[in-house]
Amino acid sequence: MPVFGAQRVYKDIASFHGAITAVTSRELAGKKIYRAFGNASRVTPASESFAGGFWAAAYWGVGEVPKTAKAWRESAAVLDDWNANGFMVVAHLPDNLAELWPEAKAWIGRIAEQYSPDSPFQYLEGGGEQLVANFGKNLVEQITAIGNEVKAAGSNEVRTEMIDGVRFDFFKTNWKDVERVHGYGEASNKQAATTRRLTEDEVREK
């Protein structure tokens, strides 16, 4: 894979649906990307999550930031038990990103549907655009540190920071209907069962 040189890479990622494209900072320039993060949930098993994510491979949504919990859950297919939330970080990647972050690399593609393996069954369709990115350990640690301060403050004010030449906005979502609400019910149960059955059939055929 030319973008990653001699490094070992994985081309099949269950969180993607359809084609996955390897990109560099040159292709990422001009895009808006975002991540949800937050304190551990009191309702679900979701543990604390961090603004920067895991430095070697962090998930970011691409495009306009979802304005509601429903839009975020359904388009990003983030199961309730997976990711603590309550806050959002948005990066406005400038046109000269290749000069600022020359080593940045990512996979970009559409988000796959997801379903929970156990009751209460949850099914989320996905379909939004996402990237799995390596922006470097130092940058991710800076994003996480600011995110931790934002979580601790709990303010409704937007905090804007320039990090390595890129503008980042950190803010509280104030979503109230974010857990045990979206992706449940009879229709979701049927869709999850169908998806699970198709997956099992595919595994048996292999």
Protein backbone atom coordinates (compact mmCIF):
# COMPACT_ATOMS: atom_id res chain seq x y z
CA MET A 1 0.00 0.00 0.00
CA PRO A 2 1.92 3.10 -1.24
CA VAL A 3 0.59 5.52 1.38
CA PHE A 4 1.89 3.41 4.26
CA GLY A 5 5.17 2.30 2.71
CA ALA A 6 6.55 -0.90 4.19
CA GLN A 7 4.31 -0.77 7.27
CA ARG A 8 1.92 -3.66 7.87
CA VAL A 9 -1.69 -2.57 7.31
CA TYR A 10 -5.13 -4.17 7.60
CA LYS A 11 -7.49 -3.73 4.68
CA ASP A 12 -10.57 -5.37 6.23
CA ILE A 13 -12.08 -3.34 9.08
CA ALA A 14 -15.51 -4.35 10.40
CA SER A 15 -16.45 -0.75 11.19
CA PHE A 16 -16.37 0.19 7.50
CA HIS A 17 -18.89 -0.62 4.79
CA GLY A 18 -17.77 -0.75 1.18
CA ALA A 19 -14.60 0.78 -0.19
CA ILE A 20 -11.90 2.08 2.14
CA THR A 21 -9.39 4.59 0.83
CA ALA A 22 -5.93 5.28 2.25
CA VAL A 23 -5.24 9.02 2.36
CA THR A 24 -2.53 11.42 3.48
CA SER A 25 -2.71 14.95 4.83
CA ARG A 26 -2.90 16.20 1.25
CA GLU A 27 -6.28 14.51 0.71
CA LEU A 28 -7.51 15.44 4.19
CA ALA A 29 -6.91 19.15 3.62
CA GLY A 30 -10.07 21.26 3.72
CA LYS A 31 -12.16 18.68 5.57
CA LYS A 32 -13.98 19.07 8.87
CA ILE A 33 -13.65 16.13 11.26
CA TYR A 34 -15.09 15.48 14.71
CA ARG A 35 -15.05 13.10 17.67
CA ALA A 36 -17.45 12.55 20.55
CA PHE A 37 -15.90 12.02 23.98
CA GLY A 38 -16.98 12.14 27.58
CA ASN A 39 -17.09 10.78 31.10
CA ALA A 40 -18.04 7.20 31.90
CA SER A 41 -21.76 6.51 31.53
CA ARG A 42 -23.99 5.96 34.54
CA VAL A 43 -26.49 4.08 32.39
CA THR A 44 -24.43 1.82 30.11
CA PRO A 45 -21.04 0.05 30.33
CA ALA A 46 -19.43 2.79 28.20
CA SER A 47 -16.22 3.85 29.94
CA GLU A 48 -14.59 7.27 29.81
CA SER A 49 -13.51 8.30 26.32
CA PHE A 50 -10.98 10.89 25.28
CA ALA A 51 -10.92 13.73 22.78
CA GLY A 52 -7.79 12.53 21.01
CA GLY A 53 -8.60 8.83 21.04
CA PHE A 54 -5.86 6.23 20.63
CA TRP A 55 -2.97 7.97 18.94
CA ALA A 56 -2.14 5.20 16.47
CA ALA A 57 -5.70 4.74 15.16
CA ALA A 58 -8.44 7.12 16.28
CA TYR A 59 -11.93 7.26 14.77
CA TRP A 60 -13.18 10.63 13.50
CA GLY A 61 -16.43 11.53 11.78
CA VAL A 62 -16.11 13.51 8.56
CA GLY A 63 -18.27 16.46 7.51
CA GLU A 64 -20.85 18.49 9.37
CA VAL A 65 -21.14 17.72 13.07
CA PRO A 66 -24.40 15.93 14.02
CA LYS A 67 -26.73 18.35 15.77
CA THR A 68 -28.68 15.72 17.71
CA ALA A 69 -28.00 12.50 19.58
CA LYS A 70 -30.24 10.66 17.12
CA ALA A 71 -28.24 11.90 14.12
CA TRP A 72 -24.95 10.98 15.78
CA ARG A 73 -26.03 7.53 16.98
CA GLU A 74 -27.66 6.48 13.72
CA SER A 75 -25.22 7.86 11.14
CA ALA A 76 -22.09 6.90 13.10
CA ALA A 77 -23.57 3.60 14.37
CA VAL A 78 -22.13 4.12 17.85
CA LEU A 79 -23.72 1.54 20.12
CA ASP A 80 -24.68 2.73 23.59
CA ASP A 81 -22.16 0.43 25.27
CA TRP A 82 -19.22 1.58 23.18
CA ASN A 83 -18.41 5.22 23.55
CA ALA A 84 -18.95 7.67 26.39
CA ASN A 85 -20.10 11.03 25.11
CA GLY A 86 -21.37 14.42 26.20
CA PHE A 87 -18.67 16.47 24.50
CA MET A 88 -17.46 17.02 20.96
CA VAL A 89 -14.17 18.11 19.43
CA VAL A 90 -14.16 19.49 15.89
CA ALA A 91 -11.03 19.97 13.78
CA HIS A 92 -11.08 22.36 10.83
CA LEU A 93 -8.34 20.98 8.59
CA PRO A 94 -6.85 23.83 6.51
CA ASP A 95 -5.88 23.74 2.86
CA ASN A 96 -2.19 23.70 3.79
CA LEU A 97 -2.51 20.66 6.06
CA ALA A 98 0.21 18.82 4.14
CA GLU A 99 2.69 21.48 5.29
CA LEU A 100 1.48 21.40 8.89
CA TRP A 101 0.97 17.64 9.38
CA PRO A 102 3.12 16.00 6.68
CA GLU A 103 3.12 12.60 8.42
CA ALA A 104 -0.66 12.31 8.93
CA LYS A 105 -2.25 9.16 7.48
CA ALA A 106 -5.77 7.78 7.55
CA TRP A 107 -8.31 5.35 6.13
CA ILE A 108 -11.57 6.94 4.98
CA GLY A 109 -14.88 5.34 4.07
CA ARG A 110 -18.52 4.75 4.99
CA ILE A 111 -19.58 3.56 8.44
CA ALA A 112 -20.94 0.03 8.67
CA GLU A 113 -24.17 -0.91 10.43
CA GLN A 114 -23.77 -2.19 13.97
CA TYR A 115 -25.88 -4.30 16.30
CA SER A 116 -25.50 -5.35 19.91
CA PRO A 117 -24.91 -9.06 20.57
CA ASP A 118 -27.01 -9.16 23.73
CA SER A 119 -30.25 -7.76 25.14
CA PRO A 120 -31.35 -5.00 25.09
CA PHE A 121 -30.83 -5.35 21.34
CA GLN A 122 -29.76 -2.22 19.52
CA TYR A 123 -29.38 -1.79 15.76
CA LEU A 124 -27.87 1.30 14.11
CA GLU A 125 -27.71 1.69 10.35
CA GLY A 126 -24.55 3.79 9.97
CA GLY A 127 -23.81 5.26 6.55
CA GLY A 128 -21.94 8.38 7.63
CA GLU A 129 -18.36 9.03 6.56
CA GLN A 130 -15.50 8.32 8.93
CA LEU A 131 -11.77 8.04 9.03
CA VAL A 132 -9.38 6.05 11.17
CA ALA A 133 -6.37 8.29 11.54
CA ASN A 134 -2.84 8.39 12.84
CA PHE A 135 -2.08 12.02 13.60
CA GLY A 136 0.92 11.29 15.80
CA LYS A 137 1.24 10.75 19.54
CA ASN A 138 2.18 14.32 20.46
CA LEU A 139 -0.79 15.86 18.67
CA VAL A 140 -3.25 13.34 20.11
CA GLU A 141 -1.94 13.93 23.63
CA GLN A 142 -2.48 17.67 23.23
CA ILE A 143 -6.06 17.14 22.01
CA THR A 144 -6.77 14.76 24.89
CA ALA A 145 -5.31 17.10 27.51
CA ILE A 146 -7.53 19.97 26.40
CA GLY A 147 -10.51 17.64 26.18
CA ASN A 148 -9.92 16.54 29.77
CA GLU A 149 -9.92 20.17 30.89
CA VAL A 150 -13.17 20.77 29.02
CA LYS A 151 -14.77 17.71 30.65
CA ALA A 152 -13.64 18.85 34.09
CA ALA A 153 -14.98 22.38 33.56
CA GLY A 154 -18.34 21.23 32.20
CA SER A 155 -18.92 24.67 30.71
CA ASN A 156 -21.41 25.40 27.95
CA GLU A 157 -18.90 27.72 26.30
CA VAL A 158 -17.04 26.65 23.15
CA ARG A 159 -13.31 26.42 23.72
CA THR A 160 -11.20 27.07 20.62
CA GLU A 161 -7.52 26.15 20.43
CA MET A 162 -4.92 26.19 17.68
CA ILE A 163 -2.91 22.97 17.80
CA ASP A 164 -0.03 22.54 15.38
CA GLY A 165 -1.59 25.13 13.09
CA VAL A 166 -5.10 23.62 13.07
CA ARG A 167 -8.20 25.06 14.74
CA PHE A 168 -9.99 22.77 17.20
CA ASP A 169 -13.35 23.56 18.82
CA PHE A 170 -14.30 21.75 22.04
CA PHE A 171 -17.83 21.94 23.40
CA LYS A 172 -20.51 20.25 25.46
CA THR A 173 -23.34 18.67 23.45
CA ASN A 174 -26.06 18.87 26.14
CA TRP A 175 -27.85 15.93 24.52
CA LYS A 176 -30.45 14.43 26.86
CA ASP A 177 -31.75 11.54 24.73
CA VAL A 178 -28.43 9.88 24.04
CA GLU A 179 -28.58 6.54 25.89
CA ARG A 180 -31.03 3.61 25.66
CA VAL A 181 -33.19 5.57 23.20
CA HIS A 182 -32.08 5.17 19.58
CA GLY A 183 -31.96 1.89 17.67
CA TYR A 184 -34.32 -0.09 19.89
CA GLY A 185 -37.77 -1.55 19.35
CA GLU A 186 -39.32 -4.29 17.22
CA ALA A 187 -37.99 -3.01 13.89
CA SER A 188 -34.46 -2.75 15.26
CA ASN A 189 -34.67 -6.24 16.76
CA LYS A 190 -35.73 -7.70 13.40
CA GLN A 191 -32.99 -5.88 11.51
CA ALA A 192 -30.34 -6.94 14.03
CA ALA A 193 -31.52 -10.55 13.79
CA THR A 194 -31.33 -10.45 9.98
CA THR A 195 -27.85 -8.92 10.03
CA ARG A 196 -26.66 -11.45 12.61
CA ARG A 197 -28.03 -14.34 10.53
CA LEU A 198 -26.36 -13.07 7.35
CA THR A 199 -23.07 -12.71 9.20
CA GLU A 200 -23.27 -16.24 10.57
CA ASP A 201 -24.09 -17.62 7.11
CA GLU A 202 -21.12 -15.79 5.62
CA VAL A 203 -18.78 -17.18 8.27
CA ARG A 204 -20.05 -20.73 7.65
CA GLU A 205 -19.52 -20.36 3.90
CA LYS A 206 -15.92 -19.31 4.47
